[in-house]
Amino acid sequence: MPEFVRSVVVQAPIETVFAFHEREDALPLLTPAFPPVKVVSRSGPLAVGLRVVLRLAGLVTWVAEHPVVE
């Protein structure tokens, strides 16, 4: 399965950044308006094994799984 890895340095306390990413609305806040991305389902809170099913532009289904949470 293809893997996408991306790193970004954020100038904020780690607890603040992690808490933001745990929010249910984090993904919509982080994604651009186009193409539209809709969260179809989410298997639970941010943790190893979390699966999120996304729908991009109403055409493509994307399943994201978190294999590692550091």
Protein backbone atom coordinates (compact mmCIF):
# COMPACT_ATOMS: atom_id res chain seq x y z
CA MET A 1 0.00 0.00 0.00
CA PRO A 2 1.38 3.47 -0.81
CA GLU A 3 2.48 5.52 2.16
CA PHE A 4 2.46 9.31 2.45
CA VAL A 5 4.74 10.83 5.09
CA ARG A 6 4.90 14.55 5.78
CA SER A 7 6.62 16.53 8.55
CA VAL A 8 6.05 20.14 9.58
CA VAL A 9 7.66 22.11 12.41
CA VAL A 10 5.07 24.03 14.44
CA GLN A 11 6.23 26.67 16.91
CA ALA A 12 3.88 25.72 19.77
CA PRO A 13 3.91 23.44 22.81
CA ILE A 14 3.53 19.77 21.85
CA GLU A 15 0.47 19.41 24.12
CA THR A 16 -1.31 22.22 22.27
CA VAL A 17 -0.51 20.79 18.84
CA PHE A 18 -1.51 17.24 19.80
CA ALA A 19 -4.77 18.49 21.36
CA PHE A 20 -5.60 20.32 18.11
CA HIS A 21 -5.06 17.16 16.04
CA GLU A 22 -7.33 15.20 18.40
CA ARG A 23 -10.26 17.50 17.58
CA GLU A 24 -12.99 16.05 15.34
CA ASP A 25 -12.88 19.21 13.18
CA ALA A 26 -9.06 19.28 12.76
CA LEU A 27 -9.01 17.82 9.25
CA PRO A 28 -11.56 20.24 7.77
CA LEU A 29 -9.62 23.12 9.35
CA LEU A 30 -6.35 21.89 7.82
CA THR A 31 -7.54 21.11 4.28
CA PRO A 32 -8.00 23.69 1.53
CA ALA A 33 -11.52 24.44 0.29
CA PHE A 34 -10.84 22.79 -3.07
CA PRO A 35 -11.18 19.97 -3.67
CA PRO A 36 -13.79 19.54 -0.96
CA VAL A 37 -12.98 16.82 1.59
CA LYS A 38 -15.66 15.20 3.73
CA VAL A 39 -15.04 12.89 6.68
CA VAL A 40 -17.31 9.89 6.02
CA SER A 41 -16.35 7.91 9.13
CA ARG A 42 -13.81 7.86 11.92
CA SER A 43 -13.09 4.75 14.01
CA GLY A 44 -12.32 6.62 17.23
CA PRO A 45 -9.96 9.12 18.85
CA LEU A 46 -6.46 9.90 17.59
CA ALA A 47 -4.50 6.74 18.39
CA VAL A 48 -2.56 3.96 16.70
CA GLY A 49 -4.96 2.12 14.39
CA LEU A 50 -7.33 5.06 13.89
CA ARG A 51 -9.00 4.76 10.49
CA VAL A 52 -10.61 7.75 8.81
CA VAL A 53 -12.60 7.38 5.60
CA LEU A 54 -12.61 10.55 3.49
CA ARG A 55 -14.48 11.51 0.35
CA LEU A 56 -12.62 13.90 -1.97
CA ALA A 57 -14.62 16.06 -4.36
CA GLY A 58 -17.47 13.55 -4.10
CA LEU A 59 -15.51 11.22 -6.40
CA VAL A 60 -12.63 9.56 -4.60
CA THR A 61 -12.71 7.59 -1.35
CA TRP A 62 -9.54 7.75 0.70
CA VAL A 63 -8.93 5.56 3.77
CA ALA A 64 -6.30 6.95 6.13
CA GLU A 65 -4.89 4.79 8.90
CA HIS A 66 -2.60 6.04 11.66
CA PRO A 67 0.05 3.32 12.11
CA VAL A 68 2.08 5.48 14.53
CA VAL A 69 1.16 8.31 16.87
CA GLU A 70 4.11 10.04 18.50
